[in-house]
Amino acid sequence: MANLKRLLLLAILLLLGIAVLIFVLQNRQPAHLVLLGWTTSELPVAVLLSASFILGVLLSLLGSLWLIGRLRLRISRQQRELMNLRPRDGN
């Protein structure tokens, strides 16, 4: 069963790699990116789109980590409050 999972993962990664290679090869034409008056040098469209994708993934990861931190802090506070509300032994 473990070998089947590894084989399936390898097949998916291989297909993903082929799709990325085809995408890069078909989007080699240069383009400028203009943002708030700032212009990049001519870069292939695949590079610009890949950089945008990676930036989006990183920003999503940072947002998720921030949210996880807030939730852990809330859990910690609620656990402390729960411990304070529980009756003590020996009362």
Protein backbone atom coordinates (compact mmCIF):
# COMPACT_ATOMS: atom_id res chain seq x y z
CA MET A 1 0.00 0.00 0.00
CA ALA A 2 2.84 2.39 0.84
CA ASN A 3 4.49 1.64 -2.50
CA LEU A 4 1.25 2.42 -4.31
CA LYS A 5 1.02 5.79 -2.54
CA ARG A 6 4.61 6.59 -3.45
CA LEU A 7 4.01 5.60 -7.06
CA LEU A 8 0.87 7.74 -7.21
CA LEU A 9 2.71 10.71 -5.67
CA LEU A 10 5.55 10.27 -8.17
CA ALA A 11 3.09 10.16 -11.07
CA ILE A 12 1.34 13.32 -9.86
CA LEU A 13 4.66 15.15 -9.42
CA LEU A 14 5.80 14.01 -12.86
CA LEU A 15 2.59 15.29 -14.47
CA LEU A 16 2.90 18.56 -12.57
CA GLY A 17 6.51 18.93 -13.69
CA ILE A 18 5.57 18.30 -17.32
CA ALA A 19 2.74 20.86 -17.07
CA VAL A 20 5.11 23.47 -15.62
CA LEU A 21 7.68 22.77 -18.35
CA ILE A 22 5.05 23.16 -21.08
CA PHE A 23 3.82 26.39 -19.46
CA VAL A 24 7.33 27.85 -19.33
CA LEU A 25 8.16 26.87 -22.89
CA GLN A 26 4.93 28.34 -24.27
CA ASN A 27 5.22 31.65 -22.37
CA ARG A 28 8.71 32.85 -23.21
CA GLN A 29 7.70 36.16 -24.80
CA PRO A 30 9.04 39.16 -22.86
CA ALA A 31 6.73 41.54 -21.05
CA HIS A 32 6.97 44.59 -18.78
CA LEU A 33 5.21 44.80 -15.45
CA VAL A 34 4.10 48.28 -14.37
CA LEU A 35 2.96 48.79 -10.78
CA LEU A 36 2.42 52.26 -9.29
CA GLY A 37 4.78 53.84 -11.78
CA TRP A 38 7.52 51.28 -11.20
CA THR A 39 8.42 49.25 -14.31
CA THR A 40 10.35 46.00 -14.43
CA SER A 41 12.79 45.12 -17.13
CA GLU A 42 11.57 42.77 -19.84
CA LEU A 43 11.04 39.34 -18.36
CA PRO A 44 9.36 36.26 -19.79
CA VAL A 45 5.66 36.02 -18.94
CA ALA A 46 6.29 32.65 -17.26
CA VAL A 47 8.75 34.28 -14.85
CA LEU A 48 6.30 37.06 -13.95
CA LEU A 49 3.43 34.62 -13.40
CA SER A 50 5.61 32.22 -11.43
CA ALA A 51 6.85 35.05 -9.22
CA SER A 52 3.26 36.19 -8.64
CA PHE A 53 2.24 32.65 -7.71
CA ILE A 54 5.16 32.24 -5.29
CA LEU A 55 4.45 35.64 -3.71
CA GLY A 56 0.81 34.67 -3.24
CA VAL A 57 1.77 31.37 -1.62
CA LEU A 58 4.18 33.12 0.76
CA LEU A 59 1.64 35.78 1.73
CA SER A 60 -0.98 33.10 2.33
CA LEU A 61 1.47 31.17 4.49
CA LEU A 62 2.29 34.27 6.54
CA GLY A 63 -1.40 35.04 6.99
CA SER A 64 -2.07 31.47 8.10
CA LEU A 65 0.80 31.54 10.57
CA TRP A 66 -0.49 34.81 12.03
CA LEU A 67 -3.98 33.32 12.40
CA ILE A 68 -2.61 30.14 14.00
CA GLY A 69 -0.65 32.27 16.47
CA ARG A 70 -3.76 34.22 17.45
CA LEU A 71 -5.77 31.03 17.89
CA ARG A 72 -3.06 29.44 20.04
CA LEU A 73 -2.98 32.55 22.20
CA ARG A 74 -6.75 32.41 22.61
CA ILE A 75 -6.60 28.71 23.53
CA SER A 76 -3.88 29.42 26.09
CA ARG A 77 -5.95 32.19 27.69
CA GLN A 78 -9.06 30.01 27.79
CA GLN A 79 -7.16 27.12 29.34
CA ARG A 80 -5.83 29.43 32.07
CA GLU A 81 -9.32 30.76 32.69
CA LEU A 82 -10.68 27.21 32.87
CA MET A 83 -8.03 26.21 35.39
CA ASN A 84 -8.97 29.22 37.54
CA LEU A 85 -12.67 28.30 37.45
CA ARG A 86 -12.22 24.64 38.41
CA PRO A 87 -12.70 23.82 42.09
CA ARG A 88 -9.48 23.10 43.91
CA ASP A 89 -8.92 19.81 45.72
CA GLY A 90 -9.18 20.11 49.48
CA ASN A 91 -11.92 22.76 49.53
